[in-house]
N, C-alpha and C. Protein backbone atom coordinates (compact mmCIF):
# COMPACT_ATOMS: atom_id res chain seq x y z
N MET A 1 0.84 -1.11 0.51
CA MET A 1 -0.08 0.03 0.09
C MET A 1 0.72 1.58 -0.73
N ILE A 2 0.27 1.99 -0.44
CA ILE A 2 1.20 3.88 -0.36
C ILE A 2 0.48 4.69 0.61
N LEU A 3 0.94 4.75 0.93
CA LEU A 3 1.26 5.83 2.70
C LEU A 3 1.82 7.35 2.32
N ALA A 4 0.31 8.62 2.50
CA ALA A 4 1.04 9.71 2.83
C ALA A 4 1.07 10.04 4.13
N THR A 5 2.23 10.03 5.07
CA THR A 5 2.40 10.52 5.92
C THR A 5 2.80 11.50 6.91
N VAL A 6 2.94 11.66 7.45
CA VAL A 6 3.63 13.33 9.03
C VAL A 6 4.50 13.07 10.23
N TYR A 7 5.71 13.01 10.26
CA TYR A 7 6.19 12.39 11.60
C TYR A 7 5.90 13.91 11.87
N GLY A 8 5.84 13.70 13.22
CA GLY A 8 6.79 14.32 14.70
C GLY A 8 5.79 15.34 15.06
N HIS A 9 4.06 15.47 14.48
CA HIS A 9 2.96 16.29 15.09
C HIS A 9 2.37 15.74 15.54
N SER A 10 0.94 16.17 15.95
CA SER A 10 -0.72 16.30 16.63
C SER A 10 -1.75 15.04 15.73
N ASP A 11 -1.84 14.99 15.95
CA ASP A 11 -2.87 13.74 15.43
C ASP A 11 -3.80 15.18 14.09
N ASN A 12 -4.03 15.97 15.10
CA ASN A 12 -4.79 17.34 14.27
C ASN A 12 -3.85 18.08 13.64
N ASP A 13 -2.80 18.40 13.76
CA ASP A 13 -2.52 18.76 12.65
C ASP A 13 -1.71 18.38 11.65
N ALA A 14 -1.21 16.66 11.70
CA ALA A 14 -0.73 16.08 10.68
C ALA A 14 -2.29 15.67 9.61
N PHE A 15 -3.34 15.36 10.54
CA PHE A 15 -4.76 15.89 9.20
C PHE A 15 -4.49 16.96 8.24
N GLY A 16 -4.58 18.09 8.95
CA GLY A 16 -4.65 19.08 8.22
C GLY A 16 -3.55 19.27 7.16
N ILE A 17 -2.35 18.52 7.84
CA ILE A 17 -1.65 18.82 6.49
C ILE A 17 -1.81 17.74 5.15
N LEU A 18 -2.20 16.45 5.62
CA LEU A 18 -2.22 15.53 4.29
C LEU A 18 -3.43 15.44 4.32
N PHE A 19 -4.75 16.38 4.63
CA PHE A 19 -6.19 16.93 4.39
C PHE A 19 -5.83 17.91 2.69
N ASP A 20 -4.98 18.91 3.12
CA ASP A 20 -4.29 19.86 2.31
C ASP A 20 -3.09 19.47 1.10
N TYR A 21 -2.81 17.99 1.53
CA TYR A 21 -2.14 17.28 0.17
C TYR A 21 -2.98 16.96 -0.68
N ILE A 22 -4.10 16.01 -0.15
CA ILE A 22 -5.36 14.74 -0.83
C ILE A 22 -5.98 15.92 -2.03
N ALA A 23 -6.15 17.34 -1.22
CA ALA A 23 -6.97 18.29 -2.03
C ALA A 23 -6.53 18.75 -2.65
N GLY A 24 -5.38 18.61 -3.08
CA GLY A 24 -4.47 19.36 -4.66
C GLY A 24 -3.06 20.01 -3.78
N ASN A 25 -2.57 20.09 -2.87
CA ASN A 25 -1.74 20.49 -2.31
C ASN A 25 -0.52 20.03 -3.15
N ASN A 26 -0.71 19.48 -4.16
CA ASN A 26 0.88 17.95 -4.47
C ASN A 26 1.16 19.35 -5.90
N LYS A 27 2.58 18.26 -6.08
CA LYS A 27 2.54 19.06 -7.90
C LYS A 27 1.99 19.02 -8.81
N SER A 28 1.07 17.57 -9.04
CA SER A 28 0.28 17.71 -10.14
C SER A 28 -1.05 18.65 -9.88
N ARG A 29 -1.54 18.80 -8.23
CA ARG A 29 -2.40 20.09 -8.24
C ARG A 29 -3.86 19.21 -8.53
N ARG A 30 -3.43 17.65 -8.03
CA ARG A 30 -5.03 16.40 -8.63
C ARG A 30 -5.15 16.56 -6.88
N LYS A 31 -7.13 16.17 -7.14
CA LYS A 31 -6.88 15.81 -6.02
C LYS A 31 -6.85 14.33 -5.87
N ILE A 32 -6.96 13.92 -4.52
CA ILE A 32 -7.15 12.51 -4.03
C ILE A 32 -8.02 12.31 -3.15
N SER A 33 -8.57 10.93 -3.48
CA SER A 33 -10.05 10.88 -2.93
C SER A 33 -9.82 9.74 -1.30
N MET A 34 -10.23 9.98 -0.78
CA MET A 34 -9.90 10.21 0.57
C MET A 34 -10.25 8.50 0.83
N THR A 35 -9.45 8.14 1.69
CA THR A 35 -10.00 6.37 2.04
C THR A 35 -9.93 5.84 3.37
N ALA A 36 -10.19 5.02 3.77
CA ALA A 36 -9.71 4.29 5.07
C ALA A 36 -8.92 2.77 4.98
N PRO A 37 -8.28 2.56 6.06
CA PRO A 37 -8.46 3.65 7.24
C PRO A 37 -7.54 4.95 7.70
N VAL A 38 -7.39 5.72 8.18
CA VAL A 38 -5.99 6.46 8.51
C VAL A 38 -5.62 5.95 10.24
N ILE A 39 -3.77 5.44 9.29
CA ILE A 39 -3.53 5.57 10.51
C ILE A 39 -2.55 5.90 10.81
N SER A 40 -2.06 5.46 12.65
CA SER A 40 -1.55 6.48 13.75
C SER A 40 -0.94 5.28 14.23
N ASP A 41 0.59 5.74 14.78
CA ASP A 41 0.91 5.15 16.34
C ASP A 41 2.02 6.64 16.99
N ARG A 42 2.60 6.35 17.90
CA ARG A 42 3.37 7.21 18.70
C ARG A 42 4.30 8.46 18.02
N ARG A 43 4.27 8.84 16.50
CA ARG A 43 5.77 8.85 16.20
C ARG A 43 5.20 9.64 14.18
N SER A 44 3.55 8.77 14.17
CA SER A 44 2.93 8.88 12.82
C SER A 44 1.86 9.40 12.06
N PHE A 45 2.00 10.07 11.44
CA PHE A 45 0.02 9.78 11.09
C PHE A 45 0.80 9.63 9.39
N SER A 46 -0.72 8.59 9.36
CA SER A 46 -0.56 8.50 7.76
C SER A 46 -2.40 8.27 7.45
N PHE A 47 -1.84 8.82 6.04
CA PHE A 47 -3.49 8.77 5.00
C PHE A 47 -3.09 7.31 3.97
N VAL A 48 -4.13 6.28 3.83
CA VAL A 48 -3.66 5.83 3.35
C VAL A 48 -4.10 5.43 1.33
N MET A 49 -3.12 5.74 0.38
CA MET A 49 -3.95 6.33 -0.55
C MET A 49 -5.04 5.56 -2.02
N PRO A 50 -5.24 5.92 -2.39
CA PRO A 50 -6.37 4.82 -3.06
C PRO A 50 -5.24 4.06 -3.97
N ALA A 51 -5.92 2.15 -4.26
CA ALA A 51 -5.21 1.45 -4.64
C ALA A 51 -5.32 1.48 -6.06
N ASN A 52 -5.88 2.96 -7.14
CA ASN A 52 -5.22 3.69 -8.17
C ASN A 52 -3.51 4.14 -8.81
N TYR A 53 -3.26 4.06 -7.57
CA TYR A 53 -1.50 5.12 -7.36
C TYR A 53 -1.06 3.47 -7.28
N ASP A 54 0.05 3.83 -7.44
CA ASP A 54 1.39 2.69 -7.11
C ASP A 54 2.54 4.74 -6.28
N ILE A 55 3.91 3.88 -6.45
CA ILE A 55 4.71 4.88 -6.01
C ILE A 55 5.09 5.77 -7.22
N ASP A 56 5.09 5.60 -8.36
CA ASP A 56 5.20 6.28 -9.70
C ASP A 56 3.89 7.10 -10.08
N THR A 57 2.84 6.74 -9.90
CA THR A 57 1.77 7.35 -10.45
C THR A 57 1.33 8.80 -9.17
N ILE A 58 1.80 7.91 -8.16
CA ILE A 58 1.29 8.54 -6.78
C ILE A 58 1.80 10.58 -6.59
N PRO A 59 0.59 11.74 -6.76
CA PRO A 59 1.69 13.42 -6.94
C PRO A 59 3.07 13.55 -5.71
N ASP A 60 3.53 14.69 -5.73
CA ASP A 60 4.20 14.52 -4.96
C ASP A 60 3.72 15.31 -4.73
N PRO A 61 3.77 15.71 -2.76
CA PRO A 61 3.71 16.39 -1.80
C PRO A 61 4.32 17.94 -2.21
N LEU A 62 4.09 18.65 -2.12
CA LEU A 62 4.57 20.37 -1.68
C LEU A 62 4.73 20.62 -0.56
N ASP A 63 4.74 19.71 0.40
CA ASP A 63 4.49 20.30 1.47
C ASP A 63 5.70 19.62 1.86
N ALA A 64 7.22 19.93 2.00
CA ALA A 64 8.20 18.57 2.38
C ALA A 64 7.35 17.85 3.93
N ARG A 65 6.88 17.99 5.05
CA ARG A 65 6.49 17.20 6.09
C ARG A 65 5.77 15.83 5.91
N THR A 66 4.96 16.16 4.42
CA THR A 66 4.31 14.96 4.02
C THR A 66 5.71 14.02 3.34
N ARG A 67 5.34 12.54 3.87
CA ARG A 67 6.27 11.65 3.07
C ARG A 67 5.35 10.72 1.94
N ILE A 68 5.95 10.43 1.26
CA ILE A 68 5.57 8.96 0.28
C ILE A 68 5.75 8.12 0.69
N GLU A 69 5.21 6.99 1.19
CA GLU A 69 5.96 5.55 1.53
C GLU A 69 5.36 4.25 1.07
N GLU A 70 5.75 3.20 0.46
CA GLU A 70 5.43 2.50 0.24
C GLU A 70 5.50 1.42 0.95
N VAL A 71 4.47 0.97 1.73
CA VAL A 71 4.25 -0.61 2.68
C VAL A 71 4.36 -1.82 1.77
N PRO A 72 5.22 -2.83 1.85
CA PRO A 72 4.98 -4.11 1.42
C PRO A 72 4.30 -4.70 2.32
N GLY A 73 2.80 -5.91 1.33
CA GLY A 73 2.37 -6.68 1.94
C GLY A 73 3.25 -7.27 2.99
N ARG A 74 1.81 -7.20 4.31
CA ARG A 74 2.39 -7.87 5.64
C ARG A 74 1.23 -8.81 6.40
N ARG A 75 1.64 -9.76 7.25
CA ARG A 75 0.54 -9.84 8.16
C ARG A 75 0.30 -9.60 9.77
N LEU A 76 -0.71 -9.33 9.83
CA LEU A 76 -0.71 -8.70 10.72
C LEU A 76 -1.67 -8.77 11.89
N ALA A 77 -1.71 -9.06 13.39
CA ALA A 77 -2.32 -9.45 14.21
C ALA A 77 -3.41 -8.05 14.50
N VAL A 78 -4.80 -7.94 14.98
CA VAL A 78 -5.51 -7.23 14.74
C VAL A 78 -7.06 -7.26 15.84
N ILE A 79 -6.92 -6.22 16.34
CA ILE A 79 -8.55 -6.35 17.74
C ILE A 79 -8.88 -5.14 17.00
N ARG A 80 -10.76 -5.59 17.15
CA ARG A 80 -11.38 -4.29 16.61
C ARG A 80 -12.17 -4.52 17.49
N PHE A 81 -12.12 -2.51 17.65
CA PHE A 81 -13.19 -1.91 18.99
C PHE A 81 -14.07 -0.47 18.43
N ARG A 82 -15.29 -0.57 18.96
CA ARG A 82 -15.36 0.38 18.61
C ARG A 82 -15.95 2.36 19.65
N GLY A 83 -16.35 2.72 19.09
CA GLY A 83 -15.91 4.14 20.50
C GLY A 83 -14.61 4.78 19.94
N TYR A 84 -15.07 5.99 20.60
CA TYR A 84 -13.69 6.69 20.71
C TYR A 84 -12.52 5.63 20.76
N ALA A 85 -10.80 6.58 20.06
CA ALA A 85 -9.94 6.20 20.29
C ALA A 85 -9.00 6.87 20.79
N GLY A 86 -9.43 7.59 22.19
CA GLY A 86 -9.21 7.86 23.24
C GLY A 86 -7.80 7.33 24.39
N ALA A 87 -6.66 7.57 25.04
CA ALA A 87 -5.45 7.39 25.34
C ALA A 87 -5.83 5.43 26.41
N LYS A 88 -7.34 5.97 27.46
CA LYS A 88 -7.49 4.74 28.40
C LYS A 88 -8.12 3.38 27.31
N ALA A 89 -8.73 3.78 26.18
CA ALA A 89 -8.70 2.91 25.61
C ALA A 89 -7.94 2.36 24.72
N LEU A 90 -6.89 3.21 24.34
CA LEU A 90 -5.50 2.16 23.04
C LEU A 90 -4.50 1.57 24.65
N ARG A 91 -4.56 1.37 25.53
CA ARG A 91 -3.51 1.42 26.06
C ARG A 91 -4.43 -0.04 26.22
N ARG A 92 -5.90 0.15 26.83
CA ARG A 92 -6.20 -1.64 27.26
C ARG A 92 -6.45 -1.95 25.97
N ARG A 93 -6.71 -1.48 25.03
CA ARG A 93 -6.66 -2.76 23.93
C ARG A 93 -5.53 -3.15 23.87
N THR A 94 -4.71 -2.32 23.27
CA THR A 94 -3.26 -2.53 22.85
C THR A 94 -2.84 -3.84 23.71
N SER A 95 -2.94 -3.56 25.72
CA SER A 95 -2.64 -4.61 26.21
C SER A 95 -2.58 -5.81 25.53
N LYS A 96 -4.21 -6.03 25.54
CA LYS A 96 -5.10 -7.12 25.78
C LYS A 96 -4.57 -8.20 23.93
N LEU A 97 -4.07 -6.64 22.58
CA LEU A 97 -3.58 -7.99 21.71
C LEU A 97 -2.29 -8.49 21.77
N LEU A 98 -1.52 -7.31 22.64
CA LEU A 98 0.04 -7.87 22.69
C LEU A 98 -0.04 -9.32 23.92
N ARG A 99 -1.18 -9.43 25.02
CA ARG A 99 -1.28 -10.57 25.48
C ARG A 99 -1.43 -11.92 24.96
N PHE A 100 -2.49 -11.59 23.95
CA PHE A 100 -3.67 -12.39 22.82
C PHE A 100 -1.89 -13.23 22.04
N ASN A 101 -1.44 -12.07 21.42
CA ASN A 101 0.16 -12.44 20.63
C ASN A 101 1.10 -13.55 21.52
N GLU A 102 1.25 -12.53 23.11
CA GLU A 102 2.08 -13.71 23.63
C GLU A 102 1.86 -15.12 24.38
N LYS A 103 0.33 -15.28 24.18
CA LYS A 103 -0.04 -16.37 24.85
C LYS A 103 -0.38 -17.20 23.59
N ARG A 104 -0.06 -17.26 22.31
CA ARG A 104 0.21 -17.74 21.19
C ARG A 104 1.27 -17.88 20.68
N GLY A 105 2.25 -17.87 21.19
CA GLY A 105 3.57 -17.48 20.87
C GLY A 105 4.16 -16.93 19.16
N LEU A 106 3.23 -16.22 19.29
CA LEU A 106 3.24 -14.68 18.08
C LEU A 106 4.02 -14.12 18.01
N ALA A 107 4.85 -14.14 17.39
CA ALA A 107 6.08 -13.14 17.59
C ALA A 107 6.11 -11.74 16.54
N THR A 108 6.17 -10.32 17.19
CA THR A 108 5.80 -9.56 16.55
C THR A 108 6.83 -8.59 16.03
N ARG A 109 7.25 -7.15 14.79
CA ARG A 109 7.53 -6.68 14.42
C ARG A 109 7.12 -5.37 14.71
N GLY A 110 8.03 -3.96 15.24
CA GLY A 110 7.71 -2.97 15.24
C GLY A 110 6.86 -2.65 16.59
N GLU A 111 6.21 -1.43 16.93
CA GLU A 111 5.17 -1.02 17.63
C GLU A 111 3.71 -1.34 17.02
N PRO A 112 2.49 -1.09 17.65
CA PRO A 112 1.49 -1.39 17.96
C PRO A 112 0.73 0.08 17.24
N PHE A 113 -0.07 -0.10 16.37
CA PHE A 113 -0.84 1.83 16.27
C PHE A 113 -1.84 0.49 15.69
N LEU A 114 -3.06 1.74 15.03
CA LEU A 114 -4.01 2.24 15.34
C LEU A 114 -4.57 2.94 14.12
N MET A 115 -6.17 1.96 13.47
CA MET A 115 -6.01 2.41 12.55
C MET A 115 -8.09 3.25 12.28
N ARG A 116 -8.48 4.05 12.00
CA ARG A 116 -9.55 4.64 12.25
C ARG A 116 -10.26 4.35 10.75
N TYR A 117 -11.86 4.61 11.10
CA TYR A 117 -11.97 4.48 9.55
C TYR A 117 -13.37 5.25 9.10
N ASN A 118 -13.20 5.97 10.58
CA ASN A 118 -14.24 6.76 10.35
C ASN A 118 -14.80 8.74 9.95
N PRO A 119 -14.80 9.04 9.64
CA PRO A 119 -14.55 10.66 9.63
C PRO A 119 -14.58 11.26 11.19
N PRO A 120 -14.30 12.23 11.03
CA PRO A 120 -14.78 13.09 12.97
C PRO A 120 -15.61 12.50 13.72
N PHE A 121 -16.96 13.20 12.44
CA PHE A 121 -18.29 13.59 12.98
C PHE A 121 -18.53 12.38 13.18
N THR A 122 -18.65 11.15 13.41
CA THR A 122 -19.28 9.83 13.16
C THR A 122 -19.44 9.63 14.50
N PRO A 123 -20.86 9.40 15.35
CA PRO A 123 -21.01 9.68 16.88
C PRO A 123 -20.21 8.47 17.44
N GLY A 124 -19.55 8.00 18.66
CA GLY A 124 -18.42 6.71 19.19
C GLY A 124 -18.79 5.77 18.84
N PHE A 125 -20.32 5.74 19.17
CA PHE A 125 -21.29 4.06 19.57
C PHE A 125 -21.14 3.49 17.52
N LEU A 126 -20.55 4.47 17.09
CA LEU A 126 -21.03 3.88 15.03
C LEU A 126 -19.43 3.68 15.12
N ARG A 127 -18.45 4.24 15.61
CA ARG A 127 -17.43 4.17 14.71
C ARG A 127 -16.35 2.70 15.49
N ARG A 128 -15.82 2.48 14.34
CA ARG A 128 -15.00 1.15 14.30
C ARG A 128 -13.24 1.63 13.75
N ASN A 129 -12.60 0.95 14.97
CA ASN A 129 -10.81 1.34 15.10
C ASN A 129 -10.89 -0.31 14.86
N GLU A 130 -9.13 -0.40 14.37
CA GLU A 130 -8.22 -1.68 15.12
C GLU A 130 -7.41 -1.42 15.29
N ILE A 131 -6.48 -1.96 16.30
CA ILE A 131 -5.00 -2.28 16.37
C ILE A 131 -4.35 -3.22 16.32
N GLY A 132 -3.05 -2.78 15.46
CA GLY A 132 -2.91 -3.61 14.47
C GLY A 132 -1.42 -4.00 15.21
N ILE A 133 -0.27 -5.14 14.98
CA ILE A 133 0.71 -5.10 14.98
C ILE A 133 1.32 -6.08 14.03
N GLU A 134 2.02 -5.66 13.69
CA GLU A 134 3.05 -6.67 12.72
C GLU A 134 3.15 -8.23 13.20
N ILE A 135 3.12 -8.80 12.51
CA ILE A 135 4.03 -10.49 13.07
C ILE A 135 4.59 -11.06 12.04
N VAL A 136 5.38 -11.71 12.80
CA VAL A 136 6.78 -12.35 12.10
C VAL A 136 6.45 -13.95 11.88
N GLN A 137 6.53 -14.13 10.35
CA GLN A 137 6.21 -15.80 10.36
C GLN A 137 7.15 -17.37 10.43
């Protein structure tokens, strides 16, 4: 998959930077469809680019804070949950996911990350989220 990623900014700031990119703040001045999920971890915030783009066809960003990255296919362990993805909920679900992996002897690589699937105005009880981590085969 192709990601447009911002590092080292709050989620709100990073969202704005990436939204500007898909709204046409890129070298082609082309609008890019918003897709799901939006992916974040402790250090980055990413939009998944539509499947019709590859690393050679995705428009280059004008804002140097936006990086285009290609992520190869991988296997993930994932836990799904509804509601707001607040700090307490994330800690509890991340802990549950890591315990699950440990009990089954699944080795992991990297840090857990959050995947959000709904627009910000979606009521909490309708929101779908996932926490994932790469598993080593």
